Amino acid sequence: MVWLQGVVESVTEDKTEVVLRDEEALATLTVSDLVPGGADGIHAGSYIMAVGTVESAGRGCPLIVAVLRLSDLSSNSAHKLSWPLEVYELKQILFEQSKLSKT
């Protein structure tokens, strides 16, 4: 399971794929009919959150995520501003936990 937030680079005409740019890379999001609201209202330049499962990833390969939830967060700039800090904090927590589990 992955949680991504970033700016939409593009959306296919049929709204089944969204290309998202986060702080580090691009990801292709596949949006099925099972996603409530689908990609309606999502367009290039939107700041969005996507939760889903990784379909493929690897060195030199783009991350492809099957989306389970998609939300437009553009209306509140606090989401975009706080996201890098949330990621940093989670990395710190995971690092500390990994140190504890080794002792």
N, C-alpha and C. Protein backbone atom coordinates (compact mmCIF):
# COMPACT_ATOMS: atom_id res chain seq x y z
N MET A 1 0.86 -1.17 0.00
CA MET A 1 0.00 0.00 0.00
C MET A 1 0.90 1.23 0.00
N VAL A 2 0.58 2.20 -0.83
CA VAL A 2 1.33 3.46 -0.88
C VAL A 2 0.37 4.64 -0.78
N TRP A 3 0.91 5.73 -0.26
CA TRP A 3 0.18 6.99 -0.15
C TRP A 3 1.06 8.01 -0.86
N LEU A 4 0.52 8.62 -1.90
CA LEU A 4 1.26 9.62 -2.66
C LEU A 4 0.51 10.94 -2.63
N GLN A 5 1.26 12.02 -2.65
CA GLN A 5 0.69 13.35 -2.84
C GLN A 5 1.60 14.09 -3.80
N GLY A 6 1.00 14.83 -4.71
CA GLY A 6 1.78 15.58 -5.66
C GLY A 6 0.91 16.32 -6.66
N VAL A 7 1.57 16.89 -7.65
CA VAL A 7 0.90 17.70 -8.67
C VAL A 7 0.66 16.83 -9.91
N VAL A 8 -0.53 16.93 -10.44
CA VAL A 8 -0.90 16.18 -11.64
C VAL A 8 -0.19 16.78 -12.85
N GLU A 9 0.54 15.94 -13.57
CA GLU A 9 1.19 16.34 -14.82
C GLU A 9 0.22 16.21 -15.99
N SER A 10 -0.54 15.10 -16.00
CA SER A 10 -1.49 14.88 -17.09
C SER A 10 -2.56 13.87 -16.67
N VAL A 11 -3.67 13.91 -17.40
CA VAL A 11 -4.78 12.97 -17.20
C VAL A 11 -5.22 12.52 -18.59
N THR A 12 -5.40 11.21 -18.77
CA THR A 12 -5.87 10.73 -20.07
C THR A 12 -7.30 11.20 -20.30
N GLU A 13 -7.68 11.27 -21.55
CA GLU A 13 -9.01 11.76 -21.91
C GLU A 13 -10.11 10.91 -21.27
N ASP A 14 -9.88 9.61 -21.17
CA ASP A 14 -10.89 8.72 -20.57
C ASP A 14 -10.80 8.66 -19.04
N LYS A 15 -9.86 9.43 -18.46
CA LYS A 15 -9.69 9.56 -17.00
C LYS A 15 -9.28 8.26 -16.32
N THR A 16 -8.64 7.33 -17.05
CA THR A 16 -8.22 6.06 -16.45
C THR A 16 -6.76 6.09 -16.01
N GLU A 17 -5.99 7.10 -16.43
CA GLU A 17 -4.61 7.24 -16.00
C GLU A 17 -4.29 8.68 -15.65
N VAL A 18 -3.58 8.83 -14.55
CA VAL A 18 -3.14 10.14 -14.09
C VAL A 18 -1.63 10.05 -13.86
N VAL A 19 -0.89 11.01 -14.39
CA VAL A 19 0.55 11.07 -14.12
C VAL A 19 0.75 12.10 -13.03
N LEU A 20 1.38 11.65 -11.93
CA LEU A 20 1.56 12.46 -10.74
C LEU A 20 3.04 12.71 -10.51
N ARG A 21 3.40 13.95 -10.20
CA ARG A 21 4.78 14.28 -9.83
C ARG A 21 4.79 14.63 -8.35
N ASP A 22 5.57 13.83 -7.58
CA ASP A 22 5.74 14.18 -6.17
C ASP A 22 7.11 14.84 -6.02
N GLU A 23 7.62 14.92 -4.82
CA GLU A 23 8.90 15.60 -4.58
C GLU A 23 10.07 14.90 -5.25
N GLU A 24 9.95 13.61 -5.53
CA GLU A 24 11.09 12.84 -6.01
C GLU A 24 10.96 12.26 -7.40
N ALA A 25 9.76 11.96 -7.88
CA ALA A 25 9.63 11.24 -9.14
C ALA A 25 8.23 11.36 -9.72
N LEU A 26 8.07 10.72 -10.87
CA LEU A 26 6.76 10.61 -11.49
C LEU A 26 6.16 9.25 -11.18
N ALA A 27 4.84 9.20 -11.10
CA ALA A 27 4.13 7.93 -10.93
C ALA A 27 2.92 7.94 -11.85
N THR A 28 2.64 6.81 -12.43
CA THR A 28 1.42 6.66 -13.22
C THR A 28 0.38 6.00 -12.34
N LEU A 29 -0.76 6.64 -12.22
CA LEU A 29 -1.85 6.12 -11.41
C LEU A 29 -2.91 5.55 -12.33
N THR A 30 -3.28 4.30 -12.12
CA THR A 30 -4.37 3.71 -12.89
C THR A 30 -5.64 3.82 -12.06
N VAL A 31 -6.67 4.40 -12.66
CA VAL A 31 -7.91 4.68 -11.95
C VAL A 31 -9.03 3.82 -12.53
N SER A 32 -9.57 2.93 -11.71
CA SER A 32 -10.64 2.04 -12.19
C SER A 32 -12.01 2.63 -11.87
N ASP A 33 -13.04 1.97 -12.35
CA ASP A 33 -14.42 2.38 -12.07
C ASP A 33 -14.78 2.20 -10.59
N LEU A 34 -13.96 1.47 -9.85
CA LEU A 34 -14.24 1.21 -8.45
C LEU A 34 -13.85 2.38 -7.54
N VAL A 35 -13.06 3.33 -8.07
CA VAL A 35 -12.64 4.49 -7.28
C VAL A 35 -13.81 5.48 -7.21
N PRO A 36 -14.30 5.77 -6.00
CA PRO A 36 -15.42 6.71 -5.88
C PRO A 36 -15.12 8.05 -6.55
N GLY A 37 -15.92 8.43 -7.52
CA GLY A 37 -15.73 9.69 -8.24
C GLY A 37 -14.68 9.61 -9.33
N GLY A 38 -13.92 8.52 -9.36
CA GLY A 38 -12.87 8.36 -10.37
C GLY A 38 -11.94 9.55 -10.37
N ALA A 39 -11.54 9.96 -11.56
CA ALA A 39 -10.65 11.11 -11.69
C ALA A 39 -11.42 12.36 -12.13
N ASP A 40 -12.74 12.35 -11.95
CA ASP A 40 -13.54 13.53 -12.29
C ASP A 40 -13.06 14.72 -11.47
N GLY A 41 -12.89 15.84 -12.12
CA GLY A 41 -12.45 17.05 -11.44
C GLY A 41 -10.94 17.15 -11.28
N ILE A 42 -10.23 16.08 -11.61
CA ILE A 42 -8.76 16.09 -11.53
C ILE A 42 -8.23 16.55 -12.88
N HIS A 43 -7.30 17.50 -12.88
CA HIS A 43 -6.73 18.01 -14.13
C HIS A 43 -5.27 18.39 -13.90
N ALA A 44 -4.56 18.62 -14.98
CA ALA A 44 -3.16 19.02 -14.87
C ALA A 44 -3.06 20.24 -13.96
N GLY A 45 -2.12 20.18 -13.02
CA GLY A 45 -1.93 21.27 -12.07
C GLY A 45 -2.61 21.06 -10.73
N SER A 46 -3.55 20.11 -10.65
CA SER A 46 -4.21 19.80 -9.38
C SER A 46 -3.21 19.20 -8.41
N TYR A 47 -3.35 19.51 -7.13
CA TYR A 47 -2.56 18.86 -6.09
C TYR A 47 -3.45 17.78 -5.49
N ILE A 48 -3.03 16.51 -5.62
CA ILE A 48 -3.90 15.41 -5.22
C ILE A 48 -3.21 14.45 -4.24
N MET A 49 -4.04 13.62 -3.63
CA MET A 49 -3.61 12.52 -2.78
C MET A 49 -4.15 11.26 -3.44
N ALA A 50 -3.29 10.23 -3.49
CA ALA A 50 -3.72 8.94 -4.03
C ALA A 50 -3.23 7.84 -3.11
N VAL A 51 -4.10 6.90 -2.82
CA VAL A 51 -3.76 5.71 -2.05
C VAL A 51 -4.04 4.51 -2.93
N GLY A 52 -3.09 3.58 -2.97
CA GLY A 52 -3.30 2.41 -3.80
C GLY A 52 -2.25 1.35 -3.60
N THR A 53 -2.24 0.40 -4.50
CA THR A 53 -1.27 -0.69 -4.43
C THR A 53 -0.31 -0.57 -5.61
N VAL A 54 0.94 -0.92 -5.36
CA VAL A 54 1.97 -0.84 -6.39
C VAL A 54 1.77 -1.98 -7.39
N GLU A 55 1.66 -1.62 -8.66
CA GLU A 55 1.56 -2.62 -9.72
C GLU A 55 2.94 -2.97 -10.27
N SER A 56 3.81 -1.96 -10.38
CA SER A 56 5.18 -2.21 -10.80
C SER A 56 6.06 -1.06 -10.36
N ALA A 57 7.32 -1.40 -10.13
CA ALA A 57 8.31 -0.40 -9.72
C ALA A 57 9.68 -1.03 -9.90
N GLY A 58 10.66 -0.21 -10.10
CA GLY A 58 12.02 -0.71 -10.22
C GLY A 58 12.94 0.38 -10.69
N ARG A 59 14.22 0.09 -10.66
CA ARG A 59 15.20 1.08 -11.11
C ARG A 59 14.95 1.42 -12.58
N GLY A 60 14.85 2.69 -12.85
CA GLY A 60 14.66 3.14 -14.22
C GLY A 60 13.24 2.97 -14.74
N CYS A 61 12.38 2.37 -13.94
CA CYS A 61 10.99 2.16 -14.35
C CYS A 61 10.09 3.08 -13.53
N PRO A 62 9.08 3.63 -14.16
CA PRO A 62 8.18 4.48 -13.40
C PRO A 62 7.34 3.64 -12.43
N LEU A 63 6.99 4.25 -11.31
CA LEU A 63 6.10 3.62 -10.35
C LEU A 63 4.70 3.62 -10.96
N ILE A 64 4.05 2.47 -10.93
CA ILE A 64 2.67 2.37 -11.40
C ILE A 64 1.82 1.91 -10.24
N VAL A 65 0.78 2.68 -9.94
CA VAL A 65 -0.05 2.43 -8.77
C VAL A 65 -1.51 2.24 -9.20
N ALA A 66 -2.12 1.14 -8.73
CA ALA A 66 -3.56 0.93 -8.92
C ALA A 66 -4.26 1.69 -7.80
N VAL A 67 -4.99 2.72 -8.14
CA VAL A 67 -5.57 3.63 -7.16
C VAL A 67 -6.81 3.04 -6.51
N LEU A 68 -6.87 3.18 -5.18
CA LEU A 68 -8.05 2.79 -4.41
C LEU A 68 -8.83 4.02 -3.95
N ARG A 69 -8.10 5.11 -3.74
CA ARG A 69 -8.71 6.38 -3.31
C ARG A 69 -7.95 7.53 -3.94
N LEU A 70 -8.69 8.53 -4.39
CA LEU A 70 -8.11 9.69 -5.06
C LEU A 70 -8.86 10.93 -4.58
N SER A 71 -8.12 11.93 -4.11
CA SER A 71 -8.76 13.16 -3.63
C SER A 71 -8.00 14.39 -4.11
N ASP A 72 -8.74 15.41 -4.50
CA ASP A 72 -8.15 16.69 -4.90
C ASP A 72 -7.95 17.52 -3.63
N LEU A 73 -6.70 17.87 -3.35
CA LEU A 73 -6.37 18.65 -2.15
C LEU A 73 -6.03 20.10 -2.50
N SER A 74 -6.28 20.51 -3.72
CA SER A 74 -5.87 21.82 -4.22
C SER A 74 -6.48 22.98 -3.44
N SER A 75 -7.64 22.77 -2.84
CA SER A 75 -8.33 23.89 -2.20
C SER A 75 -7.68 24.36 -0.90
N ASN A 76 -6.73 23.57 -0.36
CA ASN A 76 -6.08 23.96 0.90
C ASN A 76 -4.58 23.80 0.75
N SER A 77 -3.86 24.91 0.65
CA SER A 77 -2.41 24.87 0.41
C SER A 77 -1.64 24.24 1.57
N ALA A 78 -2.26 24.13 2.74
CA ALA A 78 -1.59 23.51 3.88
C ALA A 78 -1.23 22.06 3.60
N HIS A 79 -2.03 21.37 2.79
CA HIS A 79 -1.73 19.98 2.45
C HIS A 79 -0.39 19.88 1.73
N LYS A 80 -0.20 20.74 0.75
CA LYS A 80 1.03 20.72 -0.04
C LYS A 80 2.23 21.14 0.80
N LEU A 81 2.04 22.15 1.62
CA LEU A 81 3.15 22.66 2.44
C LEU A 81 3.58 21.68 3.53
N SER A 82 2.63 20.96 4.10
CA SER A 82 2.97 20.07 5.21
C SER A 82 3.42 18.67 4.78
N TRP A 83 3.14 18.28 3.54
CA TRP A 83 3.45 16.92 3.10
C TRP A 83 4.93 16.56 3.25
N PRO A 84 5.89 17.39 2.79
CA PRO A 84 7.30 17.01 2.97
C PRO A 84 7.67 16.82 4.44
N LEU A 85 7.08 17.61 5.32
CA LEU A 85 7.35 17.47 6.75
C LEU A 85 6.77 16.17 7.31
N GLU A 86 5.59 15.79 6.83
CA GLU A 86 4.98 14.54 7.26
C GLU A 86 5.83 13.35 6.81
N VAL A 87 6.33 13.40 5.59
CA VAL A 87 7.18 12.33 5.06
C VAL A 87 8.47 12.25 5.88
N TYR A 88 9.07 13.39 6.16
CA TYR A 88 10.30 13.43 6.96
C TYR A 88 10.05 12.80 8.34
N GLU A 89 8.96 13.21 8.97
CA GLU A 89 8.65 12.69 10.31
C GLU A 89 8.45 11.18 10.28
N LEU A 90 7.75 10.67 9.30
CA LEU A 90 7.54 9.23 9.20
C LEU A 90 8.85 8.48 8.98
N LYS A 91 9.74 9.04 8.15
CA LYS A 91 11.05 8.42 7.95
C LYS A 91 11.82 8.35 9.26
N GLN A 92 11.76 9.41 10.04
CA GLN A 92 12.45 9.43 11.34
C GLN A 92 11.88 8.36 12.28
N ILE A 93 10.57 8.26 12.31
CA ILE A 93 9.92 7.26 13.17
C ILE A 93 10.33 5.86 12.74
N LEU A 94 10.29 5.59 11.45
CA LEU A 94 10.67 4.26 10.94
C LEU A 94 12.14 3.96 11.21
N PHE A 95 12.99 4.97 11.08
CA PHE A 95 14.42 4.80 11.36
C PHE A 95 14.63 4.44 12.83
N GLU A 96 13.97 5.16 13.71
CA GLU A 96 14.10 4.89 15.14
C GLU A 96 13.59 3.49 15.48
N GLN A 97 12.47 3.10 14.89
CA GLN A 97 11.94 1.77 15.13
C GLN A 97 12.89 0.69 14.64
N SER A 98 13.53 0.92 13.51
CA SER A 98 14.46 -0.08 12.99
C SER A 98 15.69 -0.20 13.90
N LYS A 99 16.12 0.90 14.48
CA LYS A 99 17.24 0.85 15.43
C LYS A 99 16.86 0.06 16.68
N LEU A 100 15.65 0.26 17.16
CA LEU A 100 15.17 -0.44 18.36
C LEU A 100 15.03 -1.95 18.11
N SER A 101 14.58 -2.31 16.92
CA SER A 101 14.38 -3.73 16.63
C SER A 101 15.71 -4.48 16.47
N LYS A 102 16.79 -3.77 16.23
CA LYS A 102 18.11 -4.40 16.08
C LYS A 102 18.78 -4.64 17.42
N THR A 103 18.26 -4.01 18.48
CA THR A 103 18.89 -4.18 19.80
C THR A 103 18.29 -5.33 20.56
